[in-house]
Amino acid sequence: MEHGSVTIGIVAGEASGDALGAQLIRAVQERMPNARFAGVGGPRMESAGCELWYPLDKLALRGIVEVLPRVPELMRVRRDIYRRLRLANAPLFIGIDAPDFNLGLEGRLKRRGVRTMHYVSPSVWAWRRERIDAIARSADRLLALFPFEPALYENAKLAVTFVGHPLAAAAATVSSRRETRDLLKLDWSRPVFALLPGSRMGELEMHSELLLQTAAEIFEAQPEARFVVPLVSREAREFFERAQYELQLETLPMTLLYGHADHALRAADVGIVASGTATLEAAMSGCPHIVFYRVNPVTASIVKRKLLLPYVGLPNILAGRFVVAEFLQDHATVANLVRATLNLYDDTVTRRRLERLFAGMAKTLAADTATLAADAVATELRMAGVAC
């Protein structure tokens, strides 16, 4: 920047957005040292230099019914962020995912002449196609992670930039599994299963008991089995350990990690993965896996009526067909997860086929994400009259 510091507003809603935000902040500040970022994020964004007005967990919510009690608080947070950005005379706001929170804030700022970017297209290809026009009204530019997404917005008055998915840049190599097991001190000869319950506390509450009971039955069938569970925070780890204690499953051979879902997935023969970004992370880690998810029954019925695709896992969406098994809501039972996991573990041919398929997906998603996203930020700042 040539004329002093410029405040850029930024709001991420969950752990995956925190990673995207941190990468973006570093790339922008490398070329614009006086750019100042402030808003909502997690430890990665804070480490990259973002001033956090609110922590990530303020927005890390899921579902429809589940969010309703928090709406008044969320509205207060949104009003406060809007007020702070106006006081700072921020020329640009970047909303990372969290569309239910960010799009409203983006729209209000845009009407006041602030340039707005939305990073990560909402799942308009899977459900709520009507959101396309709302996104175009709220954002000046959309940064898309998947190559098929720009075409969806062709008829909307919205600039869309495909930036690739950063997970693809770190896609697993052939040697990753052995190296990661050495790192985690896991025996190469034993079966290893990754259990990913989700990053939000609501997901942990819904999924921990299910995964622990599934692991117990897998262990009964495969006494050599070992389990790796990445948990995003101390609170998440304490919740999971408490569930383990209450189920009297403390003796299960489990390695609990703080974060490092990539390590868990690269070490595993098979993953049991809650639907979301983690399913793409499993694919980019070369980990054969199954997908599961549970939500409040009312939320499930609302979403089911709006779904446009028969699958929810990102690998299936990218492939345009079922390549990994999905067990949603009432089908997400211990018996189904155990059977599908052990069947996949026993089927070496299918696991190798999936690994090759996932490697191909990584190539289609690979791009210099940080540079492309930083270019888009520079363009929007110039549109706002800021010299870059």
Protein backbone atom coordinates (compact mmCIF):
# COMPACT_ATOMS: atom_id res chain seq x y z
CA MET A 1 0.00 0.00 0.00
CA GLU A 2 1.25 3.46 -0.71
CA HIS A 3 -0.88 5.53 1.65
CA GLY A 4 -0.83 4.06 5.16
CA SER A 5 -2.62 1.03 6.52
CA VAL A 6 -5.98 -0.15 5.23
CA THR A 7 -8.38 -2.25 7.27
CA ILE A 8 -9.86 -5.29 5.54
CA GLY A 9 -12.76 -6.96 7.32
CA ILE A 10 -12.74 -10.76 7.37
CA VAL A 11 -15.07 -13.31 8.98
CA ALA A 12 -14.55 -17.08 9.02
CA GLY A 13 -17.13 -19.43 10.49
CA GLU A 14 -15.31 -22.67 11.18
CA ALA A 15 -11.94 -24.43 11.23
CA SER A 16 -11.71 -24.89 7.44
CA GLY A 17 -12.42 -21.17 6.97
CA ASP A 18 -9.75 -20.33 9.54
CA ALA A 19 -7.19 -22.20 7.40
CA LEU A 20 -8.34 -20.43 4.20
CA GLY A 21 -8.30 -17.07 5.95
CA ALA A 22 -4.79 -17.52 7.33
CA GLN A 23 -3.44 -18.46 3.92
CA LEU A 24 -5.16 -15.45 2.31
CA ILE A 25 -3.95 -13.00 4.96
CA ARG A 26 -0.33 -14.08 4.56
CA ALA A 27 -0.50 -13.89 0.76
CA VAL A 28 -2.05 -10.40 0.80
CA GLN A 29 0.36 -9.03 3.42
CA GLU A 30 3.33 -10.36 1.49
CA ARG A 31 2.51 -7.95 -1.35
CA MET A 32 0.70 -5.29 0.76
CA PRO A 33 2.54 -5.08 4.11
CA ASN A 34 0.28 -2.34 5.43
CA ALA A 35 -2.94 -4.30 4.99
CA ARG A 36 -4.61 -4.86 8.38
CA PHE A 37 -7.16 -7.63 8.84
CA ALA A 38 -9.80 -7.66 11.57
CA GLY A 39 -12.97 -9.63 12.30
CA VAL A 40 -13.82 -13.19 13.31
CA GLY A 41 -11.47 -16.15 13.02
CA GLY A 42 -9.52 -18.84 14.79
CA PRO A 43 -5.96 -19.45 15.94
CA ARG A 44 -4.53 -19.75 12.43
CA MET A 45 -5.90 -16.39 11.32
CA GLU A 46 -4.76 -14.80 14.57
CA SER A 47 -1.28 -16.26 14.06
CA ALA A 48 -1.27 -14.78 10.53
CA GLY A 49 -1.88 -11.33 12.01
CA CYS A 50 -5.68 -10.96 12.08
CA GLU A 51 -7.11 -8.91 14.95
CA LEU A 52 -9.91 -11.06 16.36
CA TRP A 53 -12.98 -9.14 17.47
CA TYR A 54 -14.75 -12.43 18.16
CA PRO A 55 -13.47 -16.03 18.30
CA LEU A 56 -14.36 -18.61 15.68
CA ASP A 57 -16.66 -20.60 17.96
CA LYS A 58 -19.15 -17.71 18.02
CA LEU A 59 -20.17 -18.76 14.51
CA ALA A 60 -19.29 -22.48 14.47
CA LEU A 61 -22.89 -23.65 14.36
CA ARG A 62 -24.75 -26.19 12.26
CA GLY A 63 -28.27 -27.11 11.29
CA ILE A 64 -31.42 -25.02 11.22
CA VAL A 65 -33.36 -25.85 14.36
CA GLU A 66 -30.10 -26.00 16.34
CA VAL A 67 -29.18 -22.39 15.48
CA LEU A 68 -32.51 -20.76 16.40
CA PRO A 69 -31.73 -20.13 20.11
CA ARG A 70 -28.52 -18.35 19.09
CA VAL A 71 -30.06 -16.01 16.50
CA PRO A 72 -30.35 -12.92 18.78
CA GLU A 73 -26.71 -13.24 19.83
CA LEU A 74 -25.57 -13.73 16.24
CA MET A 75 -27.49 -10.65 15.14
CA ARG A 76 -25.78 -8.60 17.87
CA VAL A 77 -22.37 -9.85 16.73
CA ARG A 78 -23.17 -9.03 13.11
CA ARG A 79 -24.32 -5.50 14.00
CA ASP A 80 -21.17 -4.92 16.04
CA ILE A 81 -18.87 -6.09 13.24
CA TYR A 82 -20.71 -3.83 10.78
CA ARG A 83 -20.31 -0.86 13.17
CA ARG A 84 -16.59 -1.50 13.68
CA LEU A 85 -15.90 -1.85 9.97
CA ARG A 86 -17.73 1.40 9.22
CA LEU A 87 -15.74 3.18 11.96
CA ALA A 88 -12.50 1.79 10.49
CA ASN A 89 -13.57 2.95 7.01
CA ALA A 90 -12.80 -0.51 5.66
CA PRO A 91 -12.88 -0.52 1.84
CA LEU A 92 -13.23 -4.31 1.56
CA PHE A 93 -14.93 -7.15 3.44
CA ILE A 94 -14.22 -10.86 2.91
CA GLY A 95 -16.74 -13.40 4.18
CA ILE A 96 -15.29 -16.91 4.28
CA ASP A 97 -18.04 -19.51 4.00
CA ALA A 98 -20.64 -19.19 6.85
CA PRO A 99 -23.19 -17.88 4.28
CA ASP A 100 -26.09 -17.55 6.74
CA PHE A 101 -24.03 -15.06 8.73
CA ASN A 102 -21.80 -13.50 6.10
CA LEU A 103 -24.14 -12.87 3.18
CA GLY A 104 -26.36 -10.57 5.22
CA LEU A 105 -23.35 -8.64 6.47
CA GLU A 106 -21.89 -8.46 2.97
CA GLY A 107 -25.16 -7.14 1.55
CA ARG A 108 -25.43 -4.41 4.15
CA LEU A 109 -21.82 -3.32 3.63
CA LYS A 110 -22.17 -3.42 -0.16
CA ARG A 111 -25.13 -1.06 0.01
CA ARG A 112 -22.84 1.35 1.88
CA GLY A 113 -20.25 1.24 -0.91
CA VAL A 114 -17.88 -1.30 0.66
CA ARG A 115 -16.48 -3.86 -1.80
CA THR A 116 -17.44 -7.37 -0.73
CA MET A 117 -16.01 -10.81 -1.49
CA HIS A 118 -17.45 -14.18 -0.55
CA TYR A 119 -14.82 -16.91 -0.29
CA VAL A 120 -16.24 -20.43 -0.85
CA SER A 121 -19.39 -20.86 -2.87
CA PRO A 122 -22.35 -22.04 -0.81
CA SER A 123 -23.52 -25.49 -1.90
CA VAL A 124 -25.93 -24.18 -4.53
CA TRP A 125 -25.17 -27.25 -6.64
CA ALA A 126 -26.45 -29.51 -3.85
CA TRP A 127 -29.36 -27.56 -2.41
CA ARG A 128 -30.88 -24.05 -2.17
CA ARG A 129 -30.24 -23.12 -5.82
CA GLU A 130 -32.28 -19.98 -5.12
CA ARG A 131 -29.29 -18.61 -3.19
CA ILE A 132 -27.44 -17.70 -6.40
CA ASP A 133 -29.30 -14.39 -6.79
CA ALA A 134 -28.89 -13.61 -3.08
CA ILE A 135 -25.13 -14.15 -3.34
CA ALA A 136 -24.94 -11.87 -6.38
CA ARG A 137 -26.83 -9.13 -4.50
CA SER A 138 -24.51 -9.43 -1.48
CA ALA A 139 -21.06 -9.92 -3.01
CA ASP A 140 -19.06 -8.15 -5.71
CA ARG A 141 -16.86 -11.21 -6.22
CA LEU A 142 -17.01 -14.91 -5.37
CA LEU A 143 -13.91 -17.03 -4.88
CA ALA A 144 -14.77 -20.60 -5.91
CA LEU A 145 -12.87 -23.69 -4.77
CA PHE A 146 -14.23 -26.12 -7.37
CA PRO A 147 -13.79 -25.89 -11.16
CA PHE A 148 -17.46 -26.61 -11.93
CA GLU A 149 -18.74 -23.70 -9.82
CA PRO A 150 -18.14 -20.59 -12.01
CA ALA A 151 -20.52 -21.92 -14.68
CA LEU A 152 -23.34 -22.02 -12.11
CA TYR A 153 -23.15 -18.23 -11.78
CA GLU A 154 -22.99 -17.37 -15.50
CA ASN A 155 -26.42 -15.71 -15.49
CA ALA A 156 -25.82 -13.81 -12.26
CA LYS A 157 -24.19 -10.38 -12.20
CA LEU A 158 -21.26 -11.58 -10.14
CA ALA A 159 -17.53 -11.92 -10.84
CA VAL A 160 -16.44 -15.47 -10.02
CA THR A 161 -12.80 -16.51 -9.69
CA PHE A 162 -11.78 -20.16 -9.48
CA VAL A 163 -8.89 -20.30 -7.01
CA GLY A 164 -8.58 -24.06 -6.54
CA HIS A 165 -8.71 -25.86 -3.24
CA PRO A 166 -5.70 -25.48 -0.92
CA LEU A 167 -6.10 -29.06 0.27
CA ALA A 168 -5.13 -30.20 -3.23
CA ALA A 169 -1.72 -28.54 -2.94
CA ALA A 170 -0.96 -30.77 0.02
CA ALA A 171 -2.41 -33.95 -1.51
CA ALA A 172 -0.89 -37.14 -0.18
CA THR A 173 2.08 -38.81 -1.83
CA VAL A 174 2.56 -42.56 -2.08
CA SER A 175 4.94 -42.57 0.87
CA SER A 176 2.67 -40.53 3.14
CA ARG A 177 1.04 -43.39 5.07
CA ARG A 178 4.25 -45.01 6.28
CA GLU A 179 5.84 -41.65 7.16
CA THR A 180 2.76 -40.47 9.04
CA ARG A 181 2.49 -43.70 11.01
CA ASP A 182 6.13 -43.32 12.03
CA LEU A 183 5.37 -39.76 13.13
CA LEU A 184 2.38 -40.89 15.21
CA LYS A 185 4.25 -43.97 16.51
CA LEU A 186 1.72 -46.36 14.98
CA ASP A 187 2.78 -49.87 13.99
CA TRP A 188 2.88 -50.23 10.20
CA SER A 189 1.51 -53.79 10.36
CA ARG A 190 -1.67 -53.00 12.30
CA PRO A 191 -5.01 -51.83 10.83
CA VAL A 192 -5.52 -48.11 11.54
CA PHE A 193 -8.89 -46.36 11.40
CA ALA A 194 -9.39 -42.57 11.47
CA LEU A 195 -12.50 -41.32 13.27
CA LEU A 196 -13.58 -37.77 12.35
CA PRO A 197 -16.65 -36.65 14.33
CA GLY A 198 -16.66 -33.06 12.99
CA SER A 199 -15.16 -29.79 14.17
CA ARG A 200 -18.21 -28.16 15.79
CA MET A 201 -19.38 -28.97 19.30
CA GLY A 202 -22.85 -29.75 17.98
CA GLU A 203 -21.32 -32.40 15.73
CA LEU A 204 -19.34 -33.87 18.61
CA GLU A 205 -22.50 -34.06 20.71
CA MET A 206 -24.31 -35.89 17.95
CA HIS A 207 -21.47 -38.14 16.78
CA SER A 208 -19.08 -39.03 19.63
CA GLU A 209 -21.07 -41.90 21.11
CA LEU A 210 -21.79 -43.29 17.65
CA LEU A 211 -18.10 -43.34 16.71
CA LEU A 212 -16.94 -44.74 20.04
CA GLN A 213 -19.41 -47.61 19.89
CA THR A 214 -18.45 -48.22 16.26
CA ALA A 215 -14.77 -48.33 17.23
CA ALA A 216 -15.52 -50.78 20.05
CA GLU A 217 -17.21 -53.20 17.65
CA ILE A 218 -14.45 -52.85 15.06
CA PHE A 219 -11.90 -53.58 17.80
CA GLU A 220 -13.85 -56.67 18.81
CA ALA A 221 -13.67 -57.92 15.20
CA GLN A 222 -10.10 -56.69 14.63
CA PRO A 223 -8.19 -56.85 17.95
CA GLU A 224 -5.06 -55.49 16.24
CA ALA A 225 -6.90 -52.31 15.22
CA ARG A 226 -5.79 -48.85 16.31
CA PHE A 227 -7.82 -45.63 16.11
CA VAL A 228 -6.78 -42.01 15.49
CA VAL A 229 -9.16 -39.16 16.37
CA PRO A 230 -8.35 -35.52 15.47
CA LEU A 231 -10.15 -33.00 17.69
CA VAL A 232 -9.96 -29.28 17.01
CA SER A 233 -9.72 -27.90 20.56
CA ARG A 234 -9.21 -28.72 24.24
CA GLU A 235 -12.96 -28.41 24.75
CA ALA A 236 -13.59 -30.95 21.97
CA ARG A 237 -11.01 -33.35 23.38
CA GLU A 238 -12.46 -33.12 26.90
CA PHE A 239 -15.96 -33.78 25.54
CA PHE A 240 -14.80 -36.82 23.58
CA GLU A 241 -12.81 -38.23 26.52
CA ARG A 242 -15.81 -37.76 28.81
CA ALA A 243 -18.01 -39.70 26.37
CA GLN A 244 -15.35 -42.43 26.25
CA TYR A 245 -15.34 -42.61 30.05
CA GLU A 246 -19.13 -42.69 30.34
CA LEU A 247 -19.28 -45.57 27.82
CA GLN A 248 -16.50 -47.36 29.75
CA LEU A 249 -14.35 -47.51 26.61
CA GLU A 250 -11.17 -45.93 28.04
CA THR A 251 -9.16 -49.02 27.14
CA LEU A 252 -9.79 -48.66 23.40
CA PRO A 253 -6.40 -48.13 21.70
CA MET A 254 -6.94 -44.53 20.56
CA THR A 255 -4.58 -41.73 19.67
CA LEU A 256 -6.28 -38.35 20.18
CA LEU A 257 -4.76 -35.45 18.26
CA TYR A 258 -5.18 -31.68 18.60
CA GLY A 259 -6.16 -30.86 15.04
CA HIS A 260 -3.99 -32.59 12.44
CA ALA A 261 -6.89 -34.27 10.66
CA ASP A 262 -4.48 -34.68 7.73
CA HIS A 263 -2.17 -36.80 9.90
CA ALA A 264 -5.04 -38.98 11.07
CA LEU A 265 -6.27 -39.54 7.52
CA ARG A 266 -2.85 -40.16 6.00
CA ALA A 267 -2.06 -42.72 8.68
CA ALA A 268 -5.34 -44.62 8.29
CA ASP A 269 -6.27 -47.58 6.14
CA VAL A 270 -9.92 -46.46 6.34
CA GLY A 271 -11.61 -43.31 7.63
CA ILE A 272 -15.07 -42.84 9.14
CA VAL A 273 -15.72 -39.19 8.33
CA ALA A 274 -18.49 -36.74 9.23
CA SER A 275 -19.83 -35.04 6.10
CA GLY A 276 -18.26 -31.67 5.36
CA THR A 277 -14.85 -30.36 4.36
CA ALA A 278 -13.30 -33.36 6.12
CA THR A 279 -14.58 -35.65 3.35
CA LEU A 280 -12.54 -33.67 0.81
CA GLU A 281 -9.58 -33.71 3.19
CA ALA A 282 -9.92 -37.50 3.34
CA ALA A 283 -9.82 -37.69 -0.46
CA MET A 284 -6.84 -35.33 -0.71
CA SER A 285 -5.10 -37.42 1.96
CA GLY A 286 -5.62 -40.51 -0.19
CA CYS A 287 -7.69 -42.14 2.55
CA PRO A 288 -10.43 -44.59 1.54
CA HIS A 289 -13.38 -43.71 3.74
CA ILE A 290 -17.09 -43.81 4.43
CA VAL A 291 -19.24 -40.74 5.13
CA PHE A 292 -21.80 -40.34 7.90
CA TYR A 293 -23.82 -37.52 9.47
CA ARG A 294 -26.61 -36.89 11.94
CA VAL A 295 -28.58 -33.72 12.68
CA ASN A 296 -31.76 -32.80 14.51
CA PRO A 297 -34.63 -34.70 12.80
CA VAL A 298 -36.49 -31.47 11.92
CA THR A 299 -33.36 -30.04 10.28
CA ALA A 300 -32.91 -33.31 8.38
CA SER A 301 -36.44 -33.20 6.98
CA ILE A 302 -36.08 -29.57 5.84
CA VAL A 303 -32.75 -30.22 4.12
CA LYS A 304 -33.93 -33.45 2.51
CA ARG A 305 -36.76 -31.62 0.71
CA LYS A 306 -34.29 -29.13 -0.78
CA LEU A 307 -31.50 -31.52 -1.84
CA LEU A 308 -30.75 -31.50 -5.57
CA LEU A 309 -28.24 -34.36 -5.50
CA PRO A 310 -28.52 -37.89 -4.08
CA TYR A 311 -25.23 -37.55 -2.17
CA VAL A 312 -23.61 -35.10 0.24
CA GLY A 313 -19.95 -36.18 0.46
CA LEU A 314 -17.63 -33.91 -1.54
CA PRO A 315 -15.79 -36.81 -3.23
CA ASN A 316 -19.14 -38.09 -4.53
CA ILE A 317 -20.13 -34.61 -5.70
CA LEU A 318 -16.82 -34.17 -7.54
CA ALA A 319 -17.11 -37.61 -9.11
CA GLY A 320 -20.79 -37.12 -10.00
CA ARG A 321 -21.60 -40.56 -8.59
CA PHE A 322 -21.31 -42.61 -5.43
CA VAL A 323 -17.65 -43.50 -4.96
CA VAL A 324 -17.76 -43.56 -1.16
CA ALA A 325 -20.63 -44.97 0.90
CA GLU A 326 -22.84 -42.52 2.79
CA PHE A 327 -24.83 -43.18 5.95
CA LEU A 328 -27.03 -40.25 6.87
CA GLN A 329 -29.42 -39.69 9.74
CA ASP A 330 -31.31 -42.95 10.56
CA HIS A 331 -28.88 -44.93 8.40
CA ALA A 332 -25.93 -43.72 10.50
CA THR A 333 -26.05 -46.65 12.91
CA VAL A 334 -23.25 -48.53 14.65
CA ALA A 335 -24.10 -51.72 12.73
CA ASN A 336 -24.00 -49.97 9.33
CA LEU A 337 -20.75 -48.11 10.03
CA VAL A 338 -19.00 -51.20 11.37
CA ARG A 339 -20.06 -53.36 8.43
CA ALA A 340 -19.13 -50.79 5.79
CA THR A 341 -15.79 -49.96 7.44
CA LEU A 342 -14.69 -53.58 7.79
CA ASN A 343 -15.88 -54.41 4.27
CA LEU A 344 -13.80 -51.56 2.88
CA TYR A 345 -10.77 -52.54 4.98
CA ASP A 346 -10.99 -56.12 3.71
CA ASP A 347 -11.39 -55.04 0.07
CA THR A 348 -7.87 -54.05 -0.93
CA VAL A 349 -8.80 -53.72 -4.62
CA THR A 350 -11.49 -51.09 -3.89
CA ARG A 351 -9.18 -49.20 -1.55
CA ARG A 352 -6.44 -48.95 -4.19
CA ARG A 353 -9.01 -47.87 -6.80
CA LEU A 354 -10.22 -45.11 -4.47
CA GLU A 355 -6.66 -43.94 -3.83
CA ARG A 356 -6.09 -43.58 -7.60
CA LEU A 357 -9.42 -41.77 -8.01
CA PHE A 358 -8.59 -39.35 -5.19
CA ALA A 359 -5.18 -38.59 -6.73
CA GLY A 360 -6.96 -37.63 -9.97
CA MET A 361 -9.34 -35.36 -8.06
CA ALA A 362 -6.39 -33.57 -6.48
CA LYS A 363 -5.06 -32.68 -9.93
CA THR A 364 -8.37 -31.11 -11.00
CA LEU A 365 -8.49 -28.97 -7.84
CA ALA A 366 -4.86 -27.90 -7.81
CA ALA A 367 -4.09 -24.21 -8.33
CA ASP A 368 -1.97 -21.53 -6.71
CA THR A 369 -4.84 -20.71 -4.37
CA ALA A 370 -3.09 -18.12 -2.22
CA THR A 371 -1.78 -16.12 -5.19
CA LEU A 372 -5.09 -16.20 -7.06
CA ALA A 373 -7.03 -15.14 -3.96
CA ALA A 374 -4.55 -12.34 -3.21
CA ASP A 375 -4.83 -11.13 -6.84
CA ALA A 376 -8.61 -10.94 -6.40
CA VAL A 377 -8.21 -8.95 -3.18
CA ALA A 378 -5.88 -6.49 -4.95
CA THR A 379 -8.41 -6.10 -7.79
CA GLU A 380 -11.25 -5.37 -5.36
CA LEU A 381 -9.14 -2.86 -3.42
CA ARG A 382 -8.35 -1.03 -6.67
CA MET A 383 -12.09 -1.01 -7.46
CA ALA A 384 -12.56 0.61 -4.04
CA GLY A 385 -10.03 3.31 -4.95
CA VAL A 386 -7.19 1.98 -2.81
CA ALA A 387 -3.73 2.17 -4.37
CA CYS A 388 -2.07 -1.24 -4.29
